[in-house]
Each structure stands twice: as structure tokens, then as C-alpha cells.
């Protein structure tokens, strides 16, 4: 909230509306921008929590385990960018 308020006071329209992370906390009207305090209060409920949404019937523990192992797939994907697979 402090960051939003600082940016809002500094330059209310340009710096906040262009910021994708902060835009959802703003109420933009014709020529004004206000901080949506209700949305901020709703988001406080999820502070420090890890939220996953899925369309599977797997138990939550299995979904969380599979999601945590996703870093290995991403690591291999990014590692291949730095490995030269061309022939000699």
C-alpha cells in the first residue's frame, strides 16, 4: 500500500496505469485515478499464501507436488539455450 500511495502521489496517471502489477488496485475514471482500497483489502487475505487454480480432480497435495517439480522442466528448457547441439 505504501508503494502504491507513493507512486500515486508522485504521478497519479502515468506511473500507475502503466504498471501491470499495480493497475488492478486502481479505479480509473474519466480524468482521475483513485486507489481501490476494497481490492487491496481482498488481496490481503492471500498475503503469504500460495494459491494454485487447476481444472483437475487430483488432490491438492498432488497438484502442489507436481507444480513444485516444474522447475526441473524449466531448467532444462533454459539450459538448452546455452548448449551448442550442432555437429562437428
N, C-alpha and C. Protein backbone atom coordinates (compact mmCIF):
# COMPACT_ATOMS: atom_id res chain seq x y z
N UNK A 1 0.82 -1.18 0.00
CA UNK A 1 0.00 0.00 0.00
C UNK A 1 0.87 1.25 0.00
N UNK A 2 1.99 1.22 0.72
CA UNK A 2 2.87 2.38 0.77
C UNK A 2 3.47 2.68 -0.60
N UNK A 3 3.85 1.64 -1.33
CA UNK A 3 4.41 1.83 -2.66
C UNK A 3 3.37 2.44 -3.59
N UNK A 4 2.16 1.92 -3.54
CA UNK A 4 1.09 2.45 -4.38
C UNK A 4 0.83 3.91 -4.04
N UNK A 5 0.75 4.22 -2.77
CA UNK A 5 0.47 5.60 -2.36
C UNK A 5 1.60 6.54 -2.80
N UNK A 6 2.86 6.10 -2.68
CA UNK A 6 3.99 6.93 -3.10
C UNK A 6 3.93 7.21 -4.60
N UNK A 7 3.75 6.16 -5.40
CA UNK A 7 3.68 6.36 -6.85
C UNK A 7 2.47 7.19 -7.23
N UNK A 8 1.39 6.99 -6.51
CA UNK A 8 0.16 7.73 -6.80
C UNK A 8 0.37 9.23 -6.56
N UNK A 9 1.04 9.58 -5.49
CA UNK A 9 1.27 10.99 -5.20
C UNK A 9 2.31 11.60 -6.15
N UNK A 10 3.25 10.78 -6.58
CA UNK A 10 4.31 11.26 -7.45
C UNK A 10 3.76 11.62 -8.84
N UNK A 11 3.03 10.70 -9.44
CA UNK A 11 2.47 10.92 -10.78
C UNK A 11 1.28 9.98 -10.94
N UNK A 12 0.09 10.41 -10.57
CA UNK A 12 -1.05 9.52 -10.45
C UNK A 12 -1.43 8.75 -11.71
N UNK A 13 -1.38 9.34 -12.84
CA UNK A 13 -1.88 8.65 -14.03
C UNK A 13 -0.83 7.78 -14.69
N UNK A 14 0.27 8.36 -15.10
CA UNK A 14 1.21 7.66 -15.95
C UNK A 14 1.91 6.49 -15.26
N UNK A 15 2.46 6.69 -14.09
CA UNK A 15 3.27 5.66 -13.44
C UNK A 15 2.44 4.48 -12.95
N UNK A 16 1.20 4.69 -12.59
CA UNK A 16 0.39 3.60 -12.04
C UNK A 16 -0.39 2.85 -13.11
N UNK A 17 -0.97 3.56 -14.04
CA UNK A 17 -1.77 2.89 -15.07
C UNK A 17 -0.89 2.03 -15.95
N UNK A 18 0.34 2.43 -16.17
CA UNK A 18 1.26 1.67 -16.99
C UNK A 18 1.86 0.47 -16.28
N UNK A 19 1.70 0.36 -15.00
CA UNK A 19 2.27 -0.73 -14.22
C UNK A 19 1.25 -1.86 -14.10
N UNK A 20 1.53 -2.99 -14.75
CA UNK A 20 0.56 -4.11 -14.78
C UNK A 20 0.28 -4.68 -13.39
N UNK A 21 1.30 -4.72 -12.54
CA UNK A 21 1.10 -5.27 -11.19
C UNK A 21 0.20 -4.39 -10.34
N UNK A 22 0.33 -3.08 -10.50
CA UNK A 22 -0.41 -2.16 -9.64
C UNK A 22 -1.75 -1.74 -10.23
N UNK A 23 -1.92 -1.90 -11.52
CA UNK A 23 -3.13 -1.42 -12.20
C UNK A 23 -4.41 -2.01 -11.61
N UNK A 24 -4.35 -3.26 -11.17
CA UNK A 24 -5.56 -3.90 -10.65
C UNK A 24 -6.04 -3.28 -9.34
N UNK A 25 -5.20 -2.50 -8.69
CA UNK A 25 -5.59 -1.86 -7.44
C UNK A 25 -6.12 -0.44 -7.63
N UNK A 26 -6.30 -0.04 -8.87
CA UNK A 26 -6.73 1.33 -9.16
C UNK A 26 -8.15 1.37 -9.71
N UNK A 27 -8.81 2.46 -9.42
CA UNK A 27 -10.12 2.74 -10.01
C UNK A 27 -9.91 3.95 -10.92
N UNK A 28 -10.01 3.71 -12.22
CA UNK A 28 -9.77 4.77 -13.19
C UNK A 28 -11.10 5.29 -13.69
N UNK A 29 -11.28 6.59 -13.55
CA UNK A 29 -12.48 7.25 -14.05
C UNK A 29 -12.04 8.26 -15.10
N UNK A 30 -12.95 9.02 -15.60
CA UNK A 30 -12.69 9.91 -16.73
C UNK A 30 -11.36 10.66 -16.63
N UNK A 31 -11.19 11.51 -15.66
CA UNK A 31 -9.95 12.27 -15.52
C UNK A 31 -9.31 12.09 -14.15
N UNK A 32 -9.57 10.96 -13.52
CA UNK A 32 -8.99 10.75 -12.19
C UNK A 32 -8.64 9.29 -11.97
N UNK A 33 -7.71 9.09 -11.09
CA UNK A 33 -7.29 7.75 -10.69
C UNK A 33 -7.32 7.71 -9.17
N UNK A 34 -7.99 6.69 -8.61
CA UNK A 34 -8.03 6.54 -7.16
C UNK A 34 -7.57 5.13 -6.79
N UNK A 35 -7.08 4.99 -5.59
CA UNK A 35 -6.64 3.68 -5.10
C UNK A 35 -7.86 2.91 -4.65
N UNK A 36 -8.03 1.69 -5.16
CA UNK A 36 -9.15 0.83 -4.79
C UNK A 36 -8.85 0.11 -3.48
N UNK A 37 -9.20 0.71 -2.39
CA UNK A 37 -8.89 0.14 -1.07
C UNK A 37 -9.59 -1.20 -0.84
N UNK A 38 -10.77 -1.37 -1.43
CA UNK A 38 -11.50 -2.62 -1.27
C UNK A 38 -10.72 -3.79 -1.90
N UNK A 39 -10.15 -3.57 -3.08
CA UNK A 39 -9.37 -4.60 -3.75
C UNK A 39 -8.11 -4.93 -2.95
N UNK A 40 -7.49 -3.92 -2.37
CA UNK A 40 -6.30 -4.14 -1.55
C UNK A 40 -6.64 -4.98 -0.32
N UNK A 41 -7.77 -4.70 0.30
CA UNK A 41 -8.20 -5.49 1.46
C UNK A 41 -8.47 -6.93 1.08
N UNK A 42 -9.06 -7.15 -0.10
CA UNK A 42 -9.30 -8.52 -0.57
C UNK A 42 -7.99 -9.26 -0.80
N UNK A 43 -7.01 -8.58 -1.38
CA UNK A 43 -5.72 -9.20 -1.66
C UNK A 43 -4.95 -9.53 -0.37
N UNK A 44 -5.19 -8.79 0.70
CA UNK A 44 -4.51 -9.06 1.97
C UNK A 44 -4.82 -10.46 2.49
N UNK A 45 -5.97 -10.99 2.12
CA UNK A 45 -6.34 -12.34 2.56
C UNK A 45 -5.38 -13.40 2.02
N UNK A 46 -4.73 -13.10 0.89
CA UNK A 46 -3.84 -14.07 0.26
C UNK A 46 -2.37 -13.81 0.54
N UNK A 47 -2.05 -12.78 1.31
CA UNK A 47 -0.65 -12.49 1.63
C UNK A 47 -0.01 -13.67 2.33
N UNK A 48 1.14 -14.10 1.82
CA UNK A 48 1.88 -15.20 2.42
C UNK A 48 1.32 -16.57 2.09
N UNK A 49 0.33 -16.63 1.23
CA UNK A 49 -0.27 -17.91 0.86
C UNK A 49 0.08 -18.23 -0.59
N UNK A 50 0.10 -19.49 -0.89
CA UNK A 50 0.43 -19.99 -2.20
C UNK A 50 -0.86 -20.50 -2.82
N UNK A 51 -1.35 -19.88 -3.86
CA UNK A 51 -2.65 -20.22 -4.44
C UNK A 51 -2.46 -20.79 -5.83
N UNK A 52 -2.98 -21.98 -6.06
CA UNK A 52 -2.97 -22.61 -7.38
C UNK A 52 -4.41 -22.87 -7.80
N UNK A 53 -4.71 -22.61 -9.05
CA UNK A 53 -6.02 -22.92 -9.60
C UNK A 53 -5.84 -23.95 -10.69
N UNK A 54 -6.63 -24.99 -10.67
CA UNK A 54 -6.50 -26.06 -11.66
C UNK A 54 -7.86 -26.62 -12.02
N UNK A 55 -7.92 -27.33 -13.12
CA UNK A 55 -9.17 -27.96 -13.52
C UNK A 55 -9.10 -29.49 -13.41
N UNK A 56 -8.18 -29.99 -12.63
CA UNK A 56 -8.00 -31.43 -12.47
C UNK A 56 -8.72 -31.94 -11.22
N UNK A 57 -8.92 -33.23 -11.16
CA UNK A 57 -9.55 -33.86 -9.99
C UNK A 57 -8.52 -34.41 -9.00
N UNK A 58 -7.25 -34.14 -9.25
CA UNK A 58 -6.20 -34.62 -8.35
C UNK A 58 -6.31 -33.93 -6.99
N UNK A 59 -5.86 -34.60 -5.94
CA UNK A 59 -5.87 -33.95 -4.62
C UNK A 59 -4.90 -32.76 -4.60
N UNK A 60 -5.16 -31.83 -3.73
CA UNK A 60 -4.36 -30.60 -3.66
C UNK A 60 -2.88 -30.90 -3.42
N UNK A 61 -2.59 -31.90 -2.59
CA UNK A 61 -1.19 -32.22 -2.30
C UNK A 61 -0.45 -32.69 -3.55
N UNK A 62 -1.12 -33.45 -4.41
CA UNK A 62 -0.51 -33.94 -5.65
C UNK A 62 -0.28 -32.79 -6.63
N UNK A 63 -1.23 -31.90 -6.73
CA UNK A 63 -1.10 -30.74 -7.61
C UNK A 63 0.08 -29.88 -7.16
N UNK A 64 0.19 -29.65 -5.86
CA UNK A 64 1.29 -28.84 -5.33
C UNK A 64 2.63 -29.51 -5.59
N UNK A 65 2.70 -30.82 -5.42
CA UNK A 65 3.94 -31.56 -5.65
C UNK A 65 4.36 -31.44 -7.12
N UNK A 66 3.43 -31.65 -8.03
CA UNK A 66 3.75 -31.55 -9.46
C UNK A 66 4.17 -30.13 -9.84
N UNK A 67 3.52 -29.14 -9.27
CA UNK A 67 3.88 -27.76 -9.56
C UNK A 67 5.29 -27.44 -9.05
N UNK A 68 5.63 -27.95 -7.88
CA UNK A 68 6.97 -27.71 -7.34
C UNK A 68 8.05 -28.35 -8.18
N UNK A 69 7.74 -29.44 -8.88
CA UNK A 69 8.72 -30.12 -9.72
C UNK A 69 8.83 -29.48 -11.10
N UNK A 70 8.01 -28.51 -11.38
CA UNK A 70 8.04 -27.85 -12.68
C UNK A 70 9.36 -27.11 -12.92
N UNK A 71 10.04 -26.73 -11.88
CA UNK A 71 11.31 -26.01 -12.04
C UNK A 71 12.32 -26.84 -12.82
N UNK A 72 12.26 -28.17 -12.70
CA UNK A 72 13.20 -29.02 -13.42
C UNK A 72 13.00 -28.92 -14.93
N UNK A 73 11.75 -28.91 -15.36
CA UNK A 73 11.44 -28.77 -16.77
C UNK A 73 11.91 -27.42 -17.28
N UNK A 74 11.65 -26.38 -16.52
CA UNK A 74 12.07 -25.04 -16.91
C UNK A 74 13.60 -24.94 -16.96
N UNK A 75 14.27 -25.58 -16.03
CA UNK A 75 15.73 -25.55 -16.01
C UNK A 75 16.29 -26.17 -17.28
N UNK A 76 15.77 -27.32 -17.68
CA UNK A 76 16.25 -27.99 -18.89
C UNK A 76 15.97 -27.12 -20.12
N UNK A 77 14.81 -26.51 -20.16
CA UNK A 77 14.46 -25.66 -21.29
C UNK A 77 15.44 -24.50 -21.42
N UNK A 78 15.72 -23.82 -20.33
CA UNK A 78 16.64 -22.68 -20.38
C UNK A 78 18.09 -23.12 -20.56
N UNK A 79 18.45 -24.28 -20.04
CA UNK A 79 19.81 -24.77 -20.19
C UNK A 79 20.11 -25.08 -21.65
N UNK A 80 19.13 -25.56 -22.39
CA UNK A 80 19.38 -25.91 -23.79
C UNK A 80 19.68 -24.67 -24.63
N UNK A 81 19.30 -23.50 -24.16
CA UNK A 81 19.62 -22.26 -24.87
C UNK A 81 21.12 -21.99 -24.87
N UNK A 82 21.83 -22.51 -23.87
CA UNK A 82 23.25 -22.24 -23.73
C UNK A 82 24.12 -23.40 -24.16
N UNK A 83 23.53 -24.50 -24.61
CA UNK A 83 24.30 -25.66 -25.05
C UNK A 83 24.28 -25.71 -26.57
N UNK A 84 25.44 -25.89 -27.18
CA UNK A 84 25.53 -25.95 -28.62
C UNK A 84 25.35 -27.40 -29.07
N UNK A 85 24.26 -27.71 -29.75
CA UNK A 85 23.95 -29.06 -30.20
C UNK A 85 24.38 -29.29 -31.65
N UNK A 86 25.06 -28.34 -32.27
CA UNK A 86 25.45 -28.50 -33.67
C UNK A 86 26.55 -29.54 -33.79
N UNK A 87 26.58 -30.19 -34.95
CA UNK A 87 27.59 -31.23 -35.20
C UNK A 87 28.98 -30.64 -35.46
N UNK A 88 29.95 -31.50 -35.42
CA UNK A 88 31.33 -31.05 -35.62
C UNK A 88 31.65 -30.96 -37.07
